[in-house]
Amino acid sequence: MPTGSAACPALTPEEFARREQATSAGISLTMSATTGQYLPSRLVNIGANRWGFRPEIGISQPYGNWFLPRLEGRTPCIDLA
């Protein structure tokens, strides 16, 4: 669930249309927990038997009428076997 920063209040539509474009950056962390029951003897399993997390960082730089975005993220998995 995305959340905003207290330092960046929402703009009215008129303020948004007149605002000066600037560089913006953000970070996120997505996590998933192990679910279901993993049985190695079955070809198809509902459970994954692993935790996952994905840290990401992004930046957006204005360049004239264009924006140059950059996003970095990795998804390491932790096996519980």
Protein backbone atom coordinates (compact mmCIF):
# COMPACT_ATOMS: atom_id res chain seq x y z
CA MET A 1 0.00 0.00 0.00
CA PRO A 2 1.65 3.23 -1.10
CA THR A 3 1.82 6.12 1.33
CA GLY A 4 2.81 9.73 0.89
CA SER A 5 5.27 11.77 2.85
CA ALA A 6 4.10 14.39 5.34
CA ALA A 7 6.50 16.82 3.63
CA CYS A 8 4.58 16.57 0.32
CA PRO A 9 0.96 17.68 0.76
CA ALA A 10 -1.55 17.04 -2.03
CA LEU A 11 -2.04 19.82 -4.58
CA THR A 12 -5.29 21.15 -5.96
CA PRO A 13 -5.75 20.61 -9.72
CA GLU A 14 -4.92 24.28 -10.37
CA GLU A 15 -1.73 24.10 -8.28
CA PHE A 16 -0.75 20.85 -10.02
CA ALA A 17 -1.10 22.46 -13.47
CA ARG A 18 1.10 25.44 -12.45
CA ARG A 19 3.74 23.58 -10.45
CA GLU A 20 7.41 23.66 -11.38
CA GLN A 21 8.60 20.20 -12.37
CA ALA A 22 11.42 18.88 -10.21
CA THR A 23 13.39 15.72 -9.58
CA SER A 24 11.55 13.24 -7.39
CA ALA A 25 12.70 10.07 -5.67
CA GLY A 26 11.13 7.30 -3.65
CA ILE A 27 11.77 3.97 -1.97
CA SER A 28 9.63 0.91 -1.33
CA LEU A 29 9.84 -2.51 0.26
CA THR A 30 7.49 -5.30 -0.81
CA MET A 31 7.37 -8.46 1.30
CA SER A 32 5.62 -11.80 0.81
CA ALA A 33 5.22 -14.51 3.43
CA THR A 34 5.23 -18.24 2.92
CA THR A 35 1.71 -19.56 2.26
CA GLY A 36 0.08 -22.93 1.81
CA GLN A 37 1.75 -26.27 2.34
CA TYR A 38 4.75 -27.19 0.23
CA LEU A 39 5.12 -30.90 -0.60
CA PRO A 40 8.29 -31.73 -2.57
CA SER A 41 6.71 -34.95 -3.87
CA ARG A 42 4.04 -33.02 -5.84
CA LEU A 43 4.62 -31.51 -9.27
CA VAL A 44 2.34 -28.52 -8.56
CA ASN A 45 2.27 -26.88 -5.12
CA ILE A 46 0.10 -24.07 -3.79
CA GLY A 47 2.71 -23.10 -1.21
CA ALA A 48 6.11 -21.70 -2.09
CA ASN A 49 7.87 -22.46 1.22
CA ARG A 50 9.87 -19.24 0.98
CA TRP A 51 9.79 -15.68 2.13
CA GLY A 52 10.41 -12.93 -0.36
CA PHE A 53 11.20 -9.27 -0.18
CA ARG A 54 11.92 -6.68 -2.85
CA PRO A 55 13.59 -3.39 -1.92
CA GLU A 56 13.33 -0.73 -4.64
CA ILE A 57 14.53 2.81 -5.18
CA GLY A 58 13.42 5.10 -7.97
CA ILE A 59 14.17 8.56 -9.29
CA SER A 60 12.49 10.70 -11.95
CA GLN A 61 14.33 13.62 -13.55
CA PRO A 62 12.50 16.20 -15.74
CA TYR A 63 14.15 16.94 -19.09
CA GLY A 64 12.14 19.51 -21.06
CA ASN A 65 8.68 18.00 -21.65
CA TRP A 66 9.95 14.51 -20.85
CA PHE A 67 10.81 12.62 -17.67
CA LEU A 68 13.75 10.23 -17.39
CA PRO A 69 12.81 7.56 -14.82
CA ARG A 70 15.20 5.07 -13.25
CA LEU A 71 14.15 2.17 -11.02
CA GLU A 72 16.34 -0.38 -9.27
CA GLY A 73 15.05 -3.41 -7.41
CA ARG A 74 16.13 -6.94 -6.55
CA THR A 75 14.15 -9.98 -5.45
CA PRO A 76 16.18 -12.31 -3.24
CA CYS A 77 14.38 -15.43 -1.98
CA ILE A 78 14.94 -17.18 1.32
CA ASP A 79 14.29 -20.94 1.17
CA LEU A 80 12.95 -22.49 4.36
CA ALA A 81 13.95 -26.04 3.47
